[in-house]
Amino acid sequence: MLKKFKFFILVLFFSTVSFASYASERWILDKTISTIEFELPVLFLKNVKGKFNNIEGFVGLNVKQKENNKAIFSVEINDIDINYIKYKDLLLSNVFFDALKFPRAVVDTKKFNYDNQKEIKLNVELTLKDKSQMVPIKIYINKLAEGLVQIQSELQFSRTDFGIGQGKWSNTSILKDEVKLKTNLFLFRE
C-alpha cells in the first residue's frame, strides 16, 4: 500500500513538473473551502451521502494556445464523513472501497482545450480501486476575482464497474449502481 501511495505521489510530481514546462498558468486548490461530495441512492431509505475531507489538486492552463490544459484532483478515501456513520467501517472495507489497499481516488482530465468558457464538457479518467474509466463531466467555471475561480461539476459513474460493493452488496436492487460526485472547488492562481 505504501509503495502504491509513493508511486502515485511520484507520478503526480512528475506530471506536474513536465506539465509546468508548457503551462503558463497554474491554479492551486484551496483545500479549506473546497468540497467533493458523493451520493448513492438506496431503495426505501435515505441515500448514502458523504464528503471527502482530504482533497488535492491543480489546474494548469496554457493561456496563449488555449489547448493542452490539464487538471488532476484526488481524494483520500479513508478521510470521509457520511450520513450513515455506523456503516463507515463497512464502506472503507474491502467490500466497498478497500481504503487500506487503494487509499486514493483520482480524476485526471488528460489534455483539454479552454478559452474562457463558463461551461465545458469533458471526458475525464476516473481511477478507483486500481481501475480506470473515462466518464463524462460537465464543469461550470465562475471567475470570482482576479486570481480566484470556483469550479462546480457533477459526474456519475457505475459503482459495480469499479468493484465497489462485493458479495451481497453487489446487488443493485436496494443499493443502486449510479454514484454521483459533486464538486465545489476554489482555486487560486499561483
Protein backbone atom coordinates (compact mmCIF):
# COMPACT_ATOMS: atom_id res chain seq x y z
CA MET A 1 0.00 0.00 0.00
CA LEU A 2 2.77 2.44 0.93
CA LYS A 3 4.56 1.66 -2.35
CA LYS A 4 1.41 2.44 -4.37
CA PHE A 5 0.94 5.70 -2.48
CA LYS A 6 4.58 6.71 -3.07
CA PHE A 7 4.22 5.76 -6.74
CA PHE A 8 1.08 7.93 -7.01
CA ILE A 9 2.91 10.89 -5.43
CA LEU A 10 5.84 10.43 -7.84
CA VAL A 11 3.52 10.26 -10.86
CA LEU A 12 1.69 13.37 -9.67
CA PHE A 13 5.01 15.17 -9.10
CA PHE A 14 6.47 14.28 -12.49
CA SER A 15 3.26 15.06 -14.36
CA THR A 16 3.20 18.40 -12.56
CA VAL A 17 6.84 19.15 -13.37
CA SER A 18 6.55 18.10 -17.01
CA PHE A 19 3.27 19.96 -17.36
CA ALA A 20 4.79 23.10 -15.85
CA SER A 21 7.21 23.26 -18.76
CA TYR A 22 4.41 24.30 -21.14
CA ALA A 23 1.73 25.65 -18.80
CA SER A 24 1.65 29.40 -18.47
CA GLU A 25 -0.76 29.47 -15.52
CA ARG A 26 -1.05 27.12 -12.60
CA TRP A 27 -4.09 27.16 -10.32
CA ILE A 28 -3.87 25.60 -6.86
CA LEU A 29 -6.78 24.16 -4.90
CA ASP A 30 -7.85 25.93 -1.72
CA LYS A 31 -8.38 22.86 0.47
CA THR A 32 -10.01 24.80 3.29
CA ILE A 33 -13.18 25.74 1.39
CA SER A 34 -13.31 23.22 -1.48
CA THR A 35 -15.61 20.19 -1.26
CA ILE A 36 -16.19 16.93 -3.09
CA GLU A 37 -19.38 15.15 -2.08
CA PHE A 38 -20.92 11.84 -3.14
CA GLU A 39 -24.40 10.35 -3.13
CA LEU A 40 -25.58 6.79 -3.64
CA PRO A 41 -29.33 6.08 -3.91
CA VAL A 42 -30.81 3.44 -1.58
CA LEU A 43 -34.26 1.91 -2.13
CA PHE A 44 -36.79 2.88 0.62
CA LEU A 45 -34.17 4.63 2.78
CA LYS A 46 -32.22 7.88 2.81
CA ASN A 47 -29.50 7.97 0.20
CA VAL A 48 -25.94 7.40 1.38
CA LYS A 49 -24.35 10.86 1.33
CA GLY A 50 -20.86 11.89 2.24
CA LYS A 51 -17.95 14.18 1.63
CA PHE A 52 -14.23 13.72 1.26
CA ASN A 53 -12.17 15.79 3.69
CA ASN A 54 -8.71 15.48 2.15
CA ILE A 55 -8.63 16.83 -1.42
CA GLU A 56 -5.54 17.55 -3.53
CA GLY A 57 -5.29 19.02 -6.99
CA PHE A 58 -4.31 21.64 -9.50
CA VAL A 59 -5.21 23.04 -12.92
CA GLY A 60 -2.62 24.08 -15.47
CA LEU A 61 -3.63 26.36 -18.33
CA ASN A 62 -1.79 27.23 -21.50
CA VAL A 63 -3.35 30.69 -21.86
CA LYS A 64 -1.66 31.54 -25.15
CA GLN A 65 -2.55 28.47 -27.19
CA LYS A 66 -5.77 27.60 -25.26
CA GLU A 67 -5.04 23.88 -25.64
CA ASN A 68 -3.15 21.11 -23.86
CA ASN A 69 -4.54 22.20 -20.50
CA LYS A 70 -4.59 19.71 -17.63
CA ALA A 71 -6.24 19.17 -14.27
CA ILE A 72 -5.71 16.42 -11.70
CA PHE A 73 -7.67 16.04 -8.47
CA SER A 74 -7.53 13.30 -5.87
CA VAL A 75 -9.25 12.41 -2.62
CA GLU A 76 -8.10 10.33 0.30
CA ILE A 77 -10.72 7.58 0.56
CA ASN A 78 -10.45 6.91 4.30
CA ASP A 79 -10.99 10.57 5.26
CA ILE A 80 -14.74 10.85 4.70
CA ASP A 81 -17.82 11.93 6.58
CA ILE A 82 -21.07 10.07 5.82
CA ASN A 83 -24.67 10.26 6.99
CA TYR A 84 -24.72 6.53 7.93
CA ILE A 85 -21.83 6.75 10.40
CA LYS A 86 -22.36 3.20 11.69
CA TYR A 87 -21.56 1.87 8.19
CA LYS A 88 -18.36 3.87 7.71
CA ASP A 89 -16.09 0.90 8.52
CA LEU A 90 -18.03 -1.27 6.05
CA LEU A 91 -17.76 1.42 3.38
CA LEU A 92 -13.97 1.64 3.86
CA SER A 93 -13.53 -2.15 3.98
CA ASN A 94 -12.63 -4.44 1.07
CA VAL A 95 -16.37 -4.93 0.47
CA PHE A 96 -16.63 -1.38 -0.89
CA PHE A 97 -13.65 1.00 -1.26
CA ASP A 98 -10.88 -1.18 0.24
CA ALA A 99 -9.26 2.00 1.54
CA LEU A 100 -6.23 0.22 3.02
CA LYS A 101 -5.24 -1.23 -0.35
CA PHE A 102 -6.47 1.68 -2.51
CA PRO A 103 -6.19 4.86 -0.41
CA ARG A 104 -6.85 7.39 -3.20
CA ALA A 105 -9.29 8.10 -5.99
CA VAL A 106 -8.10 10.28 -8.87
CA VAL A 107 -9.76 12.34 -11.59
CA ASP A 108 -7.45 13.27 -14.48
CA THR A 109 -8.67 15.44 -17.36
CA LYS A 110 -5.76 14.47 -19.59
CA LYS A 111 -5.47 17.29 -22.15
CA PHE A 112 -8.35 19.67 -22.82
CA ASN A 113 -8.99 22.96 -24.61
CA TYR A 114 -10.15 26.00 -22.67
CA ASP A 115 -10.86 29.50 -23.98
CA ASN A 116 -12.52 31.30 -21.03
CA GLN A 117 -15.81 29.41 -21.34
CA LYS A 118 -18.15 29.40 -18.36
CA GLU A 119 -19.19 25.82 -19.07
CA ILE A 120 -17.27 22.93 -20.60
CA LYS A 121 -17.99 19.25 -21.16
CA LEU A 122 -15.15 16.75 -20.93
CA ASN A 123 -14.47 13.06 -20.63
CA VAL A 124 -12.19 12.56 -17.64
CA GLU A 125 -10.35 9.50 -16.40
CA LEU A 126 -11.67 8.33 -13.03
CA THR A 127 -9.42 5.90 -11.16
CA LEU A 128 -10.83 3.95 -8.21
CA LYS A 129 -9.56 0.69 -6.74
CA ASP A 130 -6.84 0.45 -9.39
CA LYS A 131 -9.43 0.59 -12.20
CA SER A 132 -9.71 3.49 -14.64
CA GLN A 133 -12.62 4.53 -16.80
CA MET A 134 -13.47 7.56 -18.90
CA VAL A 135 -16.60 9.31 -17.62
CA PRO A 136 -18.37 12.44 -18.88
CA ILE A 137 -18.40 15.56 -16.74
CA LYS A 138 -19.96 18.98 -17.10
CA ILE A 139 -17.92 21.76 -15.48
CA TYR A 140 -19.10 25.26 -14.57
CA ILE A 141 -16.42 27.92 -14.11
CA ASN A 142 -17.15 31.07 -12.14
CA LYS A 143 -14.45 33.75 -12.04
CA LEU A 144 -14.91 35.26 -8.57
CA ALA A 145 -12.00 37.70 -8.63
CA GLU A 146 -8.69 38.22 -10.38
CA GLY A 147 -6.77 35.07 -9.49
CA LEU A 148 -9.71 33.21 -7.87
CA VAL A 149 -12.13 30.83 -9.59
CA GLN A 150 -14.87 28.49 -8.47
CA ILE A 151 -15.36 25.21 -10.32
CA GLN A 152 -18.56 23.27 -9.85
CA SER A 153 -19.19 19.94 -11.51
CA GLU A 154 -21.10 16.72 -11.29
CA LEU A 155 -20.15 13.34 -12.62
CA GLN A 156 -21.86 9.98 -12.40
CA PHE A 157 -20.35 6.52 -12.56
CA SER A 158 -21.29 2.89 -12.02
CA ARG A 159 -20.06 1.59 -8.66
CA THR A 160 -20.11 -2.00 -9.96
CA ASP A 161 -17.74 -1.06 -12.82
CA PHE A 162 -15.16 -0.28 -10.13
CA GLY A 163 -15.92 -3.26 -7.89
CA ILE A 164 -17.50 -1.08 -5.21
CA GLY A 165 -19.86 -3.43 -3.38
CA GLN A 166 -18.80 -7.09 -3.24
CA GLY A 167 -20.83 -10.20 -2.44
CA LYS A 168 -24.41 -9.44 -1.42
CA TRP A 169 -23.61 -5.72 -1.73
CA SER A 170 -23.03 -6.03 -5.49
CA ASN A 171 -26.80 -6.38 -6.00
CA THR A 172 -28.20 -3.10 -7.34
CA SER A 173 -31.86 -3.59 -6.42
CA ILE A 174 -31.52 -1.96 -2.97
CA LEU A 175 -28.17 -0.15 -3.12
CA LYS A 176 -28.34 1.43 -6.55
CA ASP A 177 -25.49 1.35 -9.06
CA GLU A 178 -25.14 5.01 -10.02
CA VAL A 179 -22.92 7.14 -7.78
CA LYS A 180 -22.97 10.94 -8.11
CA LEU A 181 -19.94 13.07 -7.30
CA LYS A 182 -20.40 16.83 -6.90
CA THR A 183 -17.53 19.26 -6.65
CA ASN A 184 -17.38 22.80 -5.40
CA LEU A 185 -13.72 23.72 -5.83
CA PHE A 186 -11.96 27.03 -5.31
CA LEU A 187 -8.62 27.64 -6.99
CA PHE A 188 -6.07 30.44 -6.67
CA ARG A 189 -3.62 31.39 -9.39
CA GLU A 190 -0.11 30.52 -8.26
